[in-house]
């Protein structure tokens, strides 16, 4: 019950603060978030993090599949193969903006 009450109080407080800030503040925050996400440095960092996570996931898949052998379902193995093919053939425009 205590957690429900805390949630309701937090919801009410967020509503009150949000309505006082108004539409203008919302638009200002939205514009700032858009500018941040379109920054080439941020986009490059996001792409390098995504690439690193793909490599780690591939290594983890191999380590797990070596240990469990044929117990990996074919659907999982096929999904991993299709993701690898899609990312290997895909061209992206991360960090190529001229702005």
Protein backbone atom coordinates (compact mmCIF):
# COMPACT_ATOMS: atom_id res chain seq x y z
CA UNK A 1 0.00 0.00 0.00
CA UNK A 2 2.86 2.35 0.81
CA UNK A 3 4.29 1.98 -2.70
CA UNK A 4 0.95 2.70 -4.31
CA UNK A 5 0.59 5.84 -2.23
CA UNK A 6 4.14 6.95 -3.13
CA UNK A 7 3.39 6.33 -6.81
CA UNK A 8 0.15 8.34 -6.69
CA UNK A 9 1.87 11.23 -4.89
CA UNK A 10 4.70 11.19 -7.44
CA UNK A 11 2.21 11.13 -10.30
CA UNK A 12 0.28 14.07 -8.86
CA UNK A 13 3.47 16.03 -8.21
CA UNK A 14 4.69 15.39 -11.77
CA UNK A 15 1.35 16.54 -13.16
CA UNK A 16 1.39 19.76 -11.15
CA UNK A 17 4.98 20.57 -12.08
CA UNK A 18 4.32 19.69 -15.71
CA UNK A 19 1.26 21.89 -15.98
CA UNK A 20 3.07 24.82 -14.39
CA UNK A 21 5.96 24.50 -16.82
CA UNK A 22 3.55 24.68 -19.72
CA UNK A 23 3.83 24.12 -23.43
CA UNK A 24 6.65 26.60 -23.94
CA UNK A 25 8.99 24.71 -21.62
CA UNK A 26 7.99 21.42 -23.27
CA UNK A 27 8.89 22.77 -26.70
CA UNK A 28 12.18 24.11 -25.34
CA UNK A 29 13.10 20.70 -23.88
CA UNK A 30 12.07 18.98 -27.11
CA UNK A 31 14.26 21.31 -29.17
CA UNK A 32 17.23 20.74 -26.85
CA UNK A 33 16.82 16.97 -27.04
CA UNK A 34 16.64 17.11 -30.83
CA UNK A 35 19.79 19.25 -31.06
CA UNK A 36 21.62 16.89 -28.71
CA UNK A 37 20.62 13.79 -30.68
CA UNK A 38 21.62 15.37 -34.00
CA UNK A 39 25.07 16.33 -32.77
CA UNK A 40 27.64 14.42 -34.88
CA UNK A 41 29.74 13.56 -31.82
CA UNK A 42 26.72 12.05 -30.06
CA UNK A 43 25.71 10.12 -33.19
CA UNK A 44 29.23 8.76 -33.63
CA UNK A 45 29.38 7.71 -29.97
CA UNK A 46 26.02 5.97 -30.28
CA UNK A 47 27.13 4.12 -33.41
CA UNK A 48 30.42 3.01 -31.86
CA UNK A 49 28.53 1.76 -28.78
CA UNK A 50 26.12 -0.14 -31.03
CA UNK A 51 29.00 -1.67 -32.99
CA UNK A 52 30.77 -2.69 -29.78
CA UNK A 53 27.61 -4.28 -28.44
CA UNK A 54 27.17 -6.24 -31.68
CA UNK A 55 30.71 -7.58 -31.38
CA UNK A 56 30.23 -8.53 -27.72
CA UNK A 57 26.92 -10.21 -28.51
CA UNK A 58 28.58 -12.23 -31.27
CA UNK A 59 31.38 -13.34 -28.96
CA UNK A 60 28.86 -14.24 -26.27
CA UNK A 61 26.82 -16.25 -28.74
CA UNK A 62 29.88 -18.23 -29.78
CA UNK A 63 30.91 -18.84 -26.17
CA UNK A 64 27.45 -20.01 -25.21
CA UNK A 65 26.94 -22.12 -28.32
CA UNK A 66 30.30 -23.83 -27.75
CA UNK A 67 29.23 -24.75 -24.23
CA UNK A 68 25.70 -25.88 -24.98
CA UNK A 69 26.41 -27.40 -28.38
CA UNK A 70 23.35 -28.56 -30.28
CA UNK A 71 20.98 -27.45 -27.55
CA UNK A 72 20.73 -23.94 -29.06
CA UNK A 73 17.40 -23.83 -30.89
CA UNK A 74 17.66 -23.44 -34.65
CA UNK A 75 15.39 -20.40 -34.49
CA UNK A 76 17.89 -18.57 -32.26
CA UNK A 77 20.84 -19.47 -34.47
CA UNK A 78 18.93 -18.37 -37.58
CA UNK A 79 17.95 -15.07 -35.97
CA UNK A 80 21.58 -14.31 -35.08
CA UNK A 81 22.70 -15.16 -38.62
CA UNK A 82 20.05 -12.91 -40.14
CA UNK A 83 20.99 -10.02 -37.86
CA UNK A 84 24.65 -10.39 -38.78
CA UNK A 85 23.86 -10.41 -42.49
CA UNK A 86 21.62 -7.39 -42.19
CA UNK A 87 24.18 -5.35 -40.25
CA UNK A 88 27.04 -6.44 -42.53
CA UNK A 89 25.17 -5.35 -45.68
CA UNK A 90 23.49 -2.26 -44.29
CA UNK A 91 24.85 1.18 -44.90
CA UNK A 92 24.06 3.87 -42.39
CA UNK A 93 24.41 7.62 -42.34
CA UNK A 94 25.60 7.98 -38.76
CA UNK A 95 28.08 10.81 -38.45
CA UNK A 96 27.94 11.74 -42.12
CA UNK A 97 25.96 14.93 -41.70
CA UNK A 98 27.39 18.08 -43.25
CA UNK A 99 25.77 20.35 -40.70
